[in-house]
Structure formats: C-alpha cells, structure tokens
C-alpha cells in the first residue's frame, strides 16, 4: 500500500489518468495536488517531510484484525480520520507522553481518539468517544516555531508526527501505569464497491462549491477526488476538512458503511 513517501509515483499515476481524459497536468501540478490530498499545504512541505522521515514507515503493516491493547493519545478539538494520513499532534500531558514512549516499544502503534470536551484534563472512558483511529508514530520532537507563534499555548508541548491508518472501537480505557491505554477492536469499514454511479462525482462537485463558500484553500482537490473509487475514502478526505462541530465529525467517523458515510458528508455540505 502506498503512503506519503510514494508521492512522486502517485503524481505520475494522476498525470496518466488525467491524460487519458484529455486533461493535461504538469508534473509540478500533479505533485501539488497529491500533496493536498495527503494533507499538506504544498509540495515543498511534503518534500521536506519525505526527506526527513523516509525509512520510518518501512515497517508499516496492515492492522491485525484481532485488535489488542494500545497506548492512546486523547486529542482535543480534533476528530482523526484515516484519510488524514500524516499529521502533527501537540501533546503536553504526562500520561500522553508516556503513551508515546510506550508506542515505541510496540512498532510505534497507538490509538488517537477525540475527547468529548476539551476542558477535561484527565479523561476517563466516559470522556472520550468510542471510535478512534489506529496510528503509527513517525517522529517525536519539539513543536515548530510557526505553530507556537500561532498558538502560544503550545509552548512546552511535544510535537508527535503520526500516520493515520484504520478505524477502531474502544472497548476499555485505562489510566493505570502512568499512561493512557485502551483495548480496541478493528472495525470493518464495509464494501466500497457498492457506491451508486455518480455519487463520488457529485460529492467532488459539491465539495468544490462548499470550499468556495467557506473560503477553504483546496485548489485542485476536486479533480483527484473524482479519480478515486472508494466512497469511504472520499468521505474521509472531505469530512476532515469540513467546518463542523466535533460531535458531527465524530458521527461521520463512526459511520462505517462507506456509501452511507459519503451520503452523510454530502448532506452536511448542503446544510
């Protein structure tokens, strides 16, 4: 399975696919589109990450369908989606830092889950949602200076770069042992081949209009969205960028049927 390190190959595939439709893209334009699809501002930003982190994903494996016990990062004001691919998180709580440390002893895998309220500093099972995302820690380091300048509250926190993978159900949540930890089951996200004809095209077109209405900088995203065949992935890509409450985004994350999820995303954009 390709990841962000395969951006150039993905860009070439995009150029070929668009060429077949008589749409011409330069290699640079294709790289910019792929970068946005992977959650980066532009190709320069993605290229810098690739140069720094190449090789850290060589041991990425498909999730074990039996689930298990994993360290956890409870996050505030963010609902993680598998399509977010690679994102930086900023952590400061000691139990979260310990969870990250523990993740390095188990192939860097951990669970990212949204808190119901950002005001809770020591969350328990009742304070987190019951669906999260399994992720892999790529790197740990101090926050970017730019991030601190935008949000002074990040001063003293630690930046964790994670690669999102698949959905999990949280069965048990513990704060024992000085870290956050959860027992999870991997979730079956349904059959993507059941999407009605035109659903993805309609979603991409609506997202283009929504982005203009909301002033979102997603130039060029509608084109590659139309080339995807998985309605669940299209739904996740769009959902991660919608201006919705945490509760509404969590409902989308917890909607496992890919067609139903994309239909819900379209409905949210029309609301």
C-alpha atoms as a PDB file:
ATOM      1  CA  UNK A   1       0.000   0.000   0.000  1.00  0.00           C
ATOM      2  CA  UNK A   2       1.368   3.404  -0.955  1.00  0.00           C
ATOM      3  CA  UNK A   3       1.989   6.149   1.586  1.00  0.00           C
ATOM      4  CA  UNK A   4       3.274   9.728   1.508  1.00  0.00           C
ATOM      5  CA  UNK A   5       6.782   8.598   0.511  1.00  0.00           C
ATOM      6  CA  UNK A   6       5.324   7.435  -2.819  1.00  0.00           C
ATOM      7  CA  UNK A   7       4.109  10.944  -3.713  1.00  0.00           C
ATOM      8  CA  UNK A   8       6.062  11.159  -6.974  1.00  0.00           C
ATOM      9  CA  UNK A   9       4.726   7.815  -8.204  1.00  0.00           C
ATOM     10  CA  UNK A  10       1.220   8.889  -7.202  1.00  0.00           C
ATOM     11  CA  UNK A  11       1.674  12.152  -9.109  1.00  0.00           C
ATOM     12  CA  UNK A  12       2.726  10.244 -12.230  1.00  0.00           C
ATOM     13  CA  UNK A  13      -0.341   7.993 -11.960  1.00  0.00           C
ATOM     14  CA  UNK A  14      -2.500  11.087 -11.614  1.00  0.00           C
ATOM     15  CA  UNK A  15      -0.974  12.647 -14.749  1.00  0.00           C
ATOM     16  CA  UNK A  16      -1.556   9.465 -16.729  1.00  0.00           C
ATOM     17  CA  UNK A  17      -5.149   9.143 -15.529  1.00  0.00           C
ATOM     18  CA  UNK A  18      -5.927  12.755 -16.355  1.00  0.00           C
ATOM     19  CA  UNK A  19      -4.130  12.462 -19.699  1.00  0.00           C
ATOM     20  CA  UNK A  20      -6.480   9.631 -20.616  1.00  0.00           C
ATOM     21  CA  UNK A  21      -9.311  12.097 -20.044  1.00  0.00           C
ATOM     22  CA  UNK A  22      -7.618  14.705 -22.268  1.00  0.00           C
ATOM     23  CA  UNK A  23      -6.720  16.846 -19.247  1.00  0.00           C
ATOM     24  CA  UNK A  24      -3.109  17.995 -19.222  1.00  0.00           C
ATOM     25  CA  UNK A  25      -1.178  18.348 -15.946  1.00  0.00           C
ATOM     26  CA  UNK A  26       2.471  19.210 -15.478  1.00  0.00           C
ATOM     27  CA  UNK A  27       4.455  17.066 -13.053  1.00  0.00           C
ATOM     28  CA  UNK A  28       4.617  20.025 -10.674  1.00  0.00           C
ATOM     29  CA  UNK A  29       0.840  20.491 -10.746  1.00  0.00           C
ATOM     30  CA  UNK A  30       0.322  16.793 -10.072  1.00  0.00           C
ATOM     31  CA  UNK A  31       2.714  16.934  -7.107  1.00  0.00           C
ATOM     32  CA  UNK A  32       0.831  19.901  -5.651  1.00  0.00           C
ATOM     33  CA  UNK A  33      -2.484  18.044  -5.962  1.00  0.00           C
ATOM     34  CA  UNK A  34      -1.110  14.867  -4.381  1.00  0.00           C
ATOM     35  CA  UNK A  35       0.362  16.918  -1.524  1.00  0.00           C
ATOM     36  CA  UNK A  36      -3.004  18.478  -0.759  1.00  0.00           C
ATOM     37  CA  UNK A  37      -4.678  15.065  -0.941  1.00  0.00           C
ATOM     38  CA  UNK A  38      -2.223  13.786   1.667  1.00  0.00           C
ATOM     39  CA  UNK A  39      -2.978  16.664   3.993  1.00  0.00           C
ATOM     40  CA  UNK A  40      -0.038  19.001   3.274  1.00  0.00           C
ATOM     41  CA  UNK A  41      -0.120  22.661   2.311  1.00  0.00           C
ATOM     42  CA  UNK A  42       2.028  22.182  -0.800  1.00  0.00           C
ATOM     43  CA  UNK A  43       4.726  20.034  -2.415  1.00  0.00           C
ATOM     44  CA  UNK A  44       7.594  21.875  -0.688  1.00  0.00           C
ATOM     45  CA  UNK A  45       6.139  20.988   2.716  1.00  0.00           C
ATOM     46  CA  UNK A  46       5.579  17.346   1.780  1.00  0.00           C
ATOM     47  CA  UNK A  47       9.020  17.072   0.194  1.00  0.00           C
ATOM     48  CA  UNK A  48      10.646  18.288   3.413  1.00  0.00           C
ATOM     49  CA  UNK A  49       8.758  15.659   5.412  1.00  0.00           C
ATOM     50  CA  UNK A  50       9.725  12.916   2.980  1.00  0.00           C
ATOM     51  CA  UNK A  51      13.408  13.843   3.186  1.00  0.00           C
ATOM     52  CA  UNK A  52      13.307  13.830   6.979  1.00  0.00           C
ATOM     53  CA  UNK A  53      11.164  10.776   7.603  1.00  0.00           C
ATOM     54  CA  UNK A  54      11.959   8.461   4.679  1.00  0.00           C
ATOM     55  CA  UNK A  55      12.551   4.998   6.029  1.00  0.00           C
ATOM     56  CA  UNK A  56      10.481   5.444   9.198  1.00  0.00           C
ATOM     57  CA  UNK A  57       7.472   3.786   7.531  1.00  0.00           C
ATOM     58  CA  UNK A  58       9.270   0.735   6.233  1.00  0.00           C
ATOM     59  CA  UNK A  59       7.720  -1.427   8.942  1.00  0.00           C
ATOM     60  CA  UNK A  60       4.148  -0.271   8.465  1.00  0.00           C
ATOM     61  CA  UNK A  61       1.876  -3.276   8.344  1.00  0.00           C
ATOM     62  CA  UNK A  62      -1.805  -3.830   7.803  1.00  0.00           C
ATOM     63  CA  UNK A  63      -3.822  -3.789  11.031  1.00  0.00           C
ATOM     64  CA  UNK A  64      -4.230  -7.082  12.839  1.00  0.00           C
ATOM     65  CA  UNK A  65      -7.938  -7.826  12.617  1.00  0.00           C
ATOM     66  CA  UNK A  66      -7.929  -9.284  16.160  1.00  0.00           C
ATOM     67  CA  UNK A  67      -7.298  -5.868  17.767  1.00  0.00           C
ATOM     68  CA  UNK A  68      -5.460  -5.609  21.072  1.00  0.00           C
ATOM     69  CA  UNK A  69      -4.289  -3.180  23.741  1.00  0.00           C
ATOM     70  CA  UNK A  70      -2.597   0.043  22.629  1.00  0.00           C
ATOM     71  CA  UNK A  71      -1.335   3.268  24.170  1.00  0.00           C
ATOM     72  CA  UNK A  72      -3.701   6.181  23.487  1.00  0.00           C
ATOM     73  CA  UNK A  73      -3.494   9.879  22.645  1.00  0.00           C
ATOM     74  CA  UNK A  74      -6.777  11.602  23.611  1.00  0.00           C
ATOM     75  CA  UNK A  75      -6.952  14.764  21.478  1.00  0.00           C
ATOM     76  CA  UNK A  76      -8.892  17.987  21.931  1.00  0.00           C
ATOM     77  CA  UNK A  77     -10.733  19.876  19.167  1.00  0.00           C
ATOM     78  CA  UNK A  78      -9.848  17.255  16.529  1.00  0.00           C
ATOM     79  CA  UNK A  79     -11.538  14.171  15.125  1.00  0.00           C
ATOM     80  CA  UNK A  80      -8.988  11.905  13.418  1.00  0.00           C
ATOM     81  CA  UNK A  81      -9.843  10.357  10.047  1.00  0.00           C
ATOM     82  CA  UNK A  82      -7.798   7.619   8.310  1.00  0.00           C
ATOM     83  CA  UNK A  83      -7.587   9.762   5.168  1.00  0.00           C
ATOM     84  CA  UNK A  84      -5.718  12.469   7.102  1.00  0.00           C
ATOM     85  CA  UNK A  85      -2.638  10.290   6.512  1.00  0.00           C
ATOM     86  CA  UNK A  86       0.176  12.127   8.289  1.00  0.00           C
ATOM     87  CA  UNK A  87      -0.469  14.963  10.754  1.00  0.00           C
ATOM     88  CA  UNK A  88       1.362  16.619  13.658  1.00  0.00           C
ATOM     89  CA  UNK A  89      -0.203  16.440  17.115  1.00  0.00           C
ATOM     90  CA  UNK A  90       0.909  18.564  20.063  1.00  0.00           C
ATOM     91  CA  UNK A  91       0.899  16.840  23.442  1.00  0.00           C
ATOM     92  CA  UNK A  92       1.787  18.013  26.914  1.00  0.00           C
ATOM     93  CA  UNK A  93       0.051  15.718  29.410  1.00  0.00           C
ATOM     94  CA  UNK A  94       2.433  13.357  31.147  1.00  0.00           C
ATOM     95  CA  UNK A  95       0.238  10.302  30.548  1.00  0.00           C
ATOM     96  CA  UNK A  96       0.115  11.120  26.841  1.00  0.00           C
ATOM     97  CA  UNK A  97       3.885  11.466  26.683  1.00  0.00           C
ATOM     98  CA  UNK A  98       4.200   8.104  28.425  1.00  0.00           C
ATOM     99  CA  UNK A  99       1.760   6.591  25.920  1.00  0.00           C
ATOM    100  CA  UNK A 100       4.013   7.762  23.093  1.00  0.00           C
ATOM    101  CA  UNK A 101       7.064   6.320  24.831  1.00  0.00           C
ATOM    102  CA  UNK A 102       5.235   3.009  25.196  1.00  0.00           C
ATOM    103  CA  UNK A 103       4.287   3.058  21.500  1.00  0.00           C
ATOM    104  CA  UNK A 104       7.960   2.965  20.531  1.00  0.00           C
ATOM    105  CA  UNK A 105       8.284  -0.397  22.261  1.00  0.00           C
ATOM    106  CA  UNK A 106       5.497  -1.895  20.115  1.00  0.00           C
ATOM    107  CA  UNK A 107       6.175  -0.953  16.494  1.00  0.00           C
ATOM    108  CA  UNK A 108       5.138   2.655  17.202  1.00  0.00           C
ATOM    109  CA  UNK A 109       1.427   1.880  17.066  1.00  0.00           C
ATOM    110  CA  UNK A 110      -1.084   3.782  19.168  1.00  0.00           C
ATOM    111  CA  UNK A 111      -4.694   4.953  19.109  1.00  0.00           C
ATOM    112  CA  UNK A 112      -5.811   8.544  18.525  1.00  0.00           C
ATOM    113  CA  UNK A 113      -9.283   9.361  19.862  1.00  0.00           C
ATOM    114  CA  UNK A 114     -11.215  12.605  20.293  1.00  0.00           C
ATOM    115  CA  UNK A 115     -12.278  13.889  23.689  1.00  0.00           C
ATOM    116  CA  UNK A 116     -15.909  14.873  24.135  1.00  0.00           C
ATOM    117  CA  UNK A 117     -14.885  18.076  25.923  1.00  0.00           C
ATOM    118  CA  UNK A 118     -11.552  19.927  25.614  1.00  0.00           C
ATOM    119  CA  UNK A 119     -11.975  21.134  29.207  1.00  0.00           C
ATOM    120  CA  UNK A 120     -11.254  17.671  30.650  1.00  0.00           C
ATOM    121  CA  UNK A 121      -7.581  17.374  31.588  1.00  0.00           C
ATOM    122  CA  UNK A 122      -7.686  13.803  32.908  1.00  0.00           C
ATOM    123  CA  UNK A 123     -10.146  11.934  30.653  1.00  0.00           C
ATOM    124  CA  UNK A 124     -11.733   8.629  31.520  1.00  0.00           C
ATOM    125  CA  UNK A 125     -13.765   6.234  29.388  1.00  0.00           C
ATOM    126  CA  UNK A 126     -16.854   8.448  29.660  1.00  0.00           C
ATOM    127  CA  UNK A 127     -14.877  11.465  28.412  1.00  0.00           C
ATOM    128  CA  UNK A 128     -13.742  10.029  25.066  1.00  0.00           C
ATOM    129  CA  UNK A 129     -15.677   8.827  22.030  1.00  0.00           C
ATOM    130  CA  UNK A 130     -15.946   5.091  21.404  1.00  0.00           C
ATOM    131  CA  UNK A 131     -14.494   5.148  17.867  1.00  0.00           C
ATOM    132  CA  UNK A 132     -10.951   6.293  17.140  1.00  0.00           C
ATOM    133  CA  UNK A 133      -8.153   5.639  14.681  1.00  0.00           C
ATOM    134  CA  UNK A 134      -5.102   3.404  14.896  1.00  0.00           C
ATOM    135  CA  UNK A 135      -1.971   5.365  14.016  1.00  0.00           C
ATOM    136  CA  UNK A 136       1.776   4.936  13.786  1.00  0.00           C
ATOM    137  CA  UNK A 137       4.267   7.340  15.341  1.00  0.00           C
ATOM    138  CA  UNK A 138       6.717   8.585  12.717  1.00  0.00           C
ATOM    139  CA  UNK A 139       8.681  11.063  14.788  1.00  0.00           C
ATOM    140  CA  UNK A 140       8.703  12.974  18.070  1.00  0.00           C
ATOM    141  CA  UNK A 141      10.232  16.381  18.577  1.00  0.00           C
ATOM    142  CA  UNK A 142       9.658  19.950  19.774  1.00  0.00           C
ATOM    143  CA  UNK A 143       6.833  21.978  18.189  1.00  0.00           C
ATOM    144  CA  UNK A 144       7.535  24.007  15.094  1.00  0.00           C
ATOM    145  CA  UNK A 145       8.227  27.655  15.911  1.00  0.00           C
ATOM    146  CA  UNK A 146       5.457  28.613  13.488  1.00  0.00           C
ATOM    147  CA  UNK A 147       2.953  26.511  15.429  1.00  0.00           C
ATOM    148  CA  UNK A 148       3.895  28.206  18.713  1.00  0.00           C
ATOM    149  CA  UNK A 149       3.625  31.646  17.142  1.00  0.00           C
ATOM    150  CA  UNK A 150       0.084  30.807  16.019  1.00  0.00           C
ATOM    151  CA  UNK A 151      -0.858  29.253  19.358  1.00  0.00           C
ATOM    152  CA  UNK A 152       1.264  30.292  22.389  1.00  0.00           C
ATOM    153  CA  UNK A 153      -0.464  27.594  24.455  1.00  0.00           C
ATOM    154  CA  UNK A 154       1.719  25.036  22.644  1.00  0.00           C
ATOM    155  CA  UNK A 155       4.805  26.341  24.465  1.00  0.00           C
ATOM    156  CA  UNK A 156       6.381  23.425  26.326  1.00  0.00           C
ATOM    157  CA  UNK A 157       4.420  20.772  24.431  1.00  0.00           C
ATOM    158  CA  UNK A 158       5.860  17.992  22.289  1.00  0.00           C
ATOM    159  CA  UNK A 159       5.143  17.522  18.605  1.00  0.00           C
ATOM    160  CA  UNK A 160       4.252  13.998  17.524  1.00  0.00           C
ATOM    161  CA  UNK A 161       4.033  13.175  13.840  1.00  0.00           C
ATOM    162  CA  UNK A 162       1.601  10.305  13.261  1.00  0.00           C
ATOM    163  CA  UNK A 163       0.347   8.403  10.232  1.00  0.00           C
ATOM    164  CA  UNK A 164      -3.361   7.571  10.479  1.00  0.00           C
ATOM    165  CA  UNK A 165      -4.428   4.074   9.442  1.00  0.00           C
ATOM    166  CA  UNK A 166      -7.835   2.498  10.214  1.00  0.00           C
ATOM    167  CA  UNK A 167     -10.855   2.818  12.496  1.00  0.00           C
ATOM    168  CA  UNK A 168     -11.040   1.074  15.868  1.00  0.00           C
ATOM    169  CA  UNK A 169     -13.707   0.650  18.529  1.00  0.00           C
ATOM    170  CA  UNK A 170     -12.594   1.485  22.070  1.00  0.00           C
ATOM    171  CA  UNK A 171     -13.702  -1.320  24.396  1.00  0.00           C
ATOM    172  CA  UNK A 172     -11.776  -0.354  27.528  1.00  0.00           C
ATOM    173  CA  UNK A 173      -9.829   2.758  28.562  1.00  0.00           C
ATOM    174  CA  UNK A 174      -7.314   2.847  31.395  1.00  0.00           C
ATOM    175  CA  UNK A 175      -5.102   5.459  33.032  1.00  0.00           C
ATOM    176  CA  UNK A 176      -3.236   2.929  35.180  1.00  0.00           C
ATOM    177  CA  UNK A 177       0.520   2.621  34.925  1.00  0.00           C
ATOM    178  CA  UNK A 178       1.061   6.314  34.288  1.00  0.00           C
ATOM    179  CA  UNK A 179      -0.219   6.300  30.688  1.00  0.00           C
ATOM    180  CA  UNK A 180      -3.420   6.259  28.659  1.00  0.00           C
ATOM    181  CA  UNK A 181      -4.142   2.811  27.276  1.00  0.00           C
ATOM    182  CA  UNK A 182      -7.107   1.174  25.550  1.00  0.00           C
ATOM    183  CA  UNK A 183      -8.332  -2.218  24.443  1.00  0.00           C
ATOM    184  CA  UNK A 184      -9.654  -1.910  20.890  1.00  0.00           C
ATOM    185  CA  UNK A 185     -11.166  -3.907  18.062  1.00  0.00           C
ATOM    186  CA  UNK A 186     -10.504  -3.091  14.421  1.00  0.00           C
ATOM    187  CA  UNK A 187     -13.671  -2.139  12.567  1.00  0.00           C
ATOM    188  CA  UNK A 188     -14.846  -3.459   9.200  1.00  0.00           C
ATOM    189  CA  UNK A 189     -15.427  -0.373   7.060  1.00  0.00           C
ATOM    190  CA  UNK A 190     -17.716  -2.057   4.546  1.00  0.00           C
ATOM    191  CA  UNK A 191     -17.594  -2.758   0.820  1.00  0.00           C
ATOM    192  CA  UNK A 192     -16.576   0.309  -1.239  1.00  0.00           C
ATOM    193  CA  UNK A 193     -17.773  -1.260  -4.488  1.00  0.00           C
ATOM    194  CA  UNK A 194     -21.450  -0.652  -3.725  1.00  0.00           C
ATOM    195  CA  UNK A 195     -21.369   3.110  -4.422  1.00  0.00           C
ATOM    196  CA  UNK A 196     -24.121   4.293  -6.784  1.00  0.00           C
ATOM    197  CA  UNK A 197     -22.878   5.630 -10.103  1.00  0.00           C
ATOM    198  CA  UNK A 198     -22.189   9.333  -9.936  1.00  0.00           C
ATOM    199  CA  UNK A 199     -22.012   9.509  -6.111  1.00  0.00           C
ATOM    200  CA  UNK A 200     -18.297  10.336  -5.979  1.00  0.00           C
ATOM    201  CA  UNK A 201     -18.574  12.786  -8.873  1.00  0.00           C
ATOM    202  CA  UNK A 202     -21.467  14.528  -7.116  1.00  0.00           C
ATOM    203  CA  UNK A 203     -19.559  14.677  -3.838  1.00  0.00           C
ATOM    204  CA  UNK A 204     -16.488  16.175  -5.514  1.00  0.00           C
ATOM    205  CA  UNK A 205     -18.589  18.793  -7.283  1.00  0.00           C
ATOM    206  CA  UNK A 206     -20.396  19.720  -4.071  1.00  0.00           C
ATOM    207  CA  UNK A 207     -17.072  19.938  -2.230  1.00  0.00           C
ATOM    208  CA  UNK A 208     -15.745  22.346  -4.853  1.00  0.00           C
ATOM    209  CA  UNK A 209     -18.748  24.615  -4.201  1.00  0.00           C
ATOM    210  CA  UNK A 210     -18.531  24.188  -0.429  1.00  0.00           C
ATOM    211  CA  UNK A 211     -14.846  25.104  -0.395  1.00  0.00           C
ATOM    212  CA  UNK A 212     -15.536  28.315  -2.296  1.00  0.00           C
ATOM    213  CA  UNK A 213     -18.395  29.191   0.050  1.00  0.00           C
ATOM    214  CA  UNK A 214     -16.244  28.560   3.135  1.00  0.00           C
ATOM    215  CA  UNK A 215     -13.047  30.077   1.749  1.00  0.00           C
ATOM    216  CA  UNK A 216     -11.116  26.805   2.063  1.00  0.00           C
ATOM    217  CA  UNK A 217      -7.795  26.501   0.259  1.00  0.00           C
ATOM    218  CA  UNK A 218      -8.266  23.182  -1.532  1.00  0.00           C
ATOM    219  CA  UNK A 219      -7.365  24.201  -5.066  1.00  0.00           C
ATOM    220  CA  UNK A 220      -7.102  21.174  -7.331  1.00  0.00           C
ATOM    221  CA  UNK A 221      -8.622  18.637  -4.912  1.00  0.00           C
ATOM    222  CA  UNK A 222     -11.858  18.079  -6.793  1.00  0.00           C
ATOM    223  CA  UNK A 223     -10.017  16.604  -9.758  1.00  0.00           C
ATOM    224  CA  UNK A 224      -8.217  13.767  -7.914  1.00  0.00           C
ATOM    225  CA  UNK A 225     -11.293  13.069  -5.764  1.00  0.00           C
ATOM    226  CA  UNK A 226     -13.139  12.210  -8.964  1.00  0.00           C
ATOM    227  CA  UNK A 227     -10.499   9.599  -9.775  1.00  0.00           C
ATOM    228  CA  UNK A 228     -10.993   7.664  -6.528  1.00  0.00           C
ATOM    229  CA  UNK A 229     -13.246   4.615  -6.481  1.00  0.00           C
ATOM    230  CA  UNK A 230     -13.662   4.217  -2.706  1.00  0.00           C
ATOM    231  CA  UNK A 231     -16.603   6.303  -1.410  1.00  0.00           C
ATOM    232  CA  UNK A 232     -15.415   5.841   2.168  1.00  0.00           C
ATOM    233  CA  UNK A 233     -12.022   7.350   1.442  1.00  0.00           C
ATOM    234  CA  UNK A 234     -13.596  10.253  -0.445  1.00  0.00           C
ATOM    235  CA  UNK A 235     -15.908  10.802   2.522  1.00  0.00           C
ATOM    236  CA  UNK A 236     -12.980  10.837   4.955  1.00  0.00           C
ATOM    237  CA  UNK A 237     -10.923  13.239   2.850  1.00  0.00           C
ATOM    238  CA  UNK A 238     -13.820  15.677   2.654  1.00  0.00           C
ATOM    239  CA  UNK A 239     -15.007  15.188   6.250  1.00  0.00           C
ATOM    240  CA  UNK A 240     -11.584  16.026   7.672  1.00  0.00           C
ATOM    241  CA  UNK A 241     -11.849  19.460   6.013  1.00  0.00           C
ATOM    242  CA  UNK A 242     -15.457  20.358   6.801  1.00  0.00           C
ATOM    243  CA  UNK A 243     -16.290  23.177   9.207  1.00  0.00           C
ATOM    244  CA  UNK A 244     -18.327  21.030  11.594  1.00  0.00           C
ATOM    245  CA  UNK A 245     -18.559  20.535  15.338  1.00  0.00           C
ATOM    246  CA  UNK A 246     -16.567  17.745  16.973  1.00  0.00           C
ATOM    247  CA  UNK A 247     -19.805  15.859  17.605  1.00  0.00           C
ATOM    248  CA  UNK A 248     -20.885  15.966  13.948  1.00  0.00           C
ATOM    249  CA  UNK A 249     -17.447  14.929  12.702  1.00  0.00           C
ATOM    250  CA  UNK A 250     -17.418  12.050  15.192  1.00  0.00           C
ATOM    251  CA  UNK A 251     -20.736  10.822  13.813  1.00  0.00           C
ATOM    252  CA  UNK A 252     -19.120  10.704  10.369  1.00  0.00           C
ATOM    253  CA  UNK A 253     -16.093   8.839  11.753  1.00  0.00           C
ATOM    254  CA  UNK A 254     -18.390   6.293  13.419  1.00  0.00           C
ATOM    255  CA  UNK A 255     -20.422   5.711  10.213  1.00  0.00           C
ATOM    256  CA  UNK A 256     -18.804   2.536   8.922  1.00  0.00           C
ATOM    257  CA  UNK A 257     -20.765   1.970   5.717  1.00  0.00           C
ATOM    258  CA  UNK A 258     -18.735   3.867   3.064  1.00  0.00           C
ATOM    259  CA  UNK A 259     -21.730   4.813   0.925  1.00  0.00           C
ATOM    260  CA  UNK A 260     -23.782   5.989   3.900  1.00  0.00           C
ATOM    261  CA  UNK A 261     -20.791   7.992   5.128  1.00  0.00           C
ATOM    262  CA  UNK A 262     -20.319   9.781   1.818  1.00  0.00           C
ATOM    263  CA  UNK A 263     -24.056  10.478   1.564  1.00  0.00           C
ATOM    264  CA  UNK A 264     -23.923  11.974   5.088  1.00  0.00           C
ATOM    265  CA  UNK A 265     -20.940  14.107   4.131  1.00  0.00           C
ATOM    266  CA  UNK A 266     -22.824  15.448   1.103  1.00  0.00           C
ATOM    267  CA  UNK A 267     -25.820  16.232   3.327  1.00  0.00           C
ATOM    268  CA  UNK A 268     -23.577  18.139   5.763  1.00  0.00           C
ATOM    269  CA  UNK A 269     -22.170  20.246   2.952  1.00  0.00           C
ATOM    270  CA  UNK A 270     -25.691  21.081   1.784  1.00  0.00           C
ATOM    271  CA  UNK A 271     -26.918  22.036   5.276  1.00  0.00           C
END
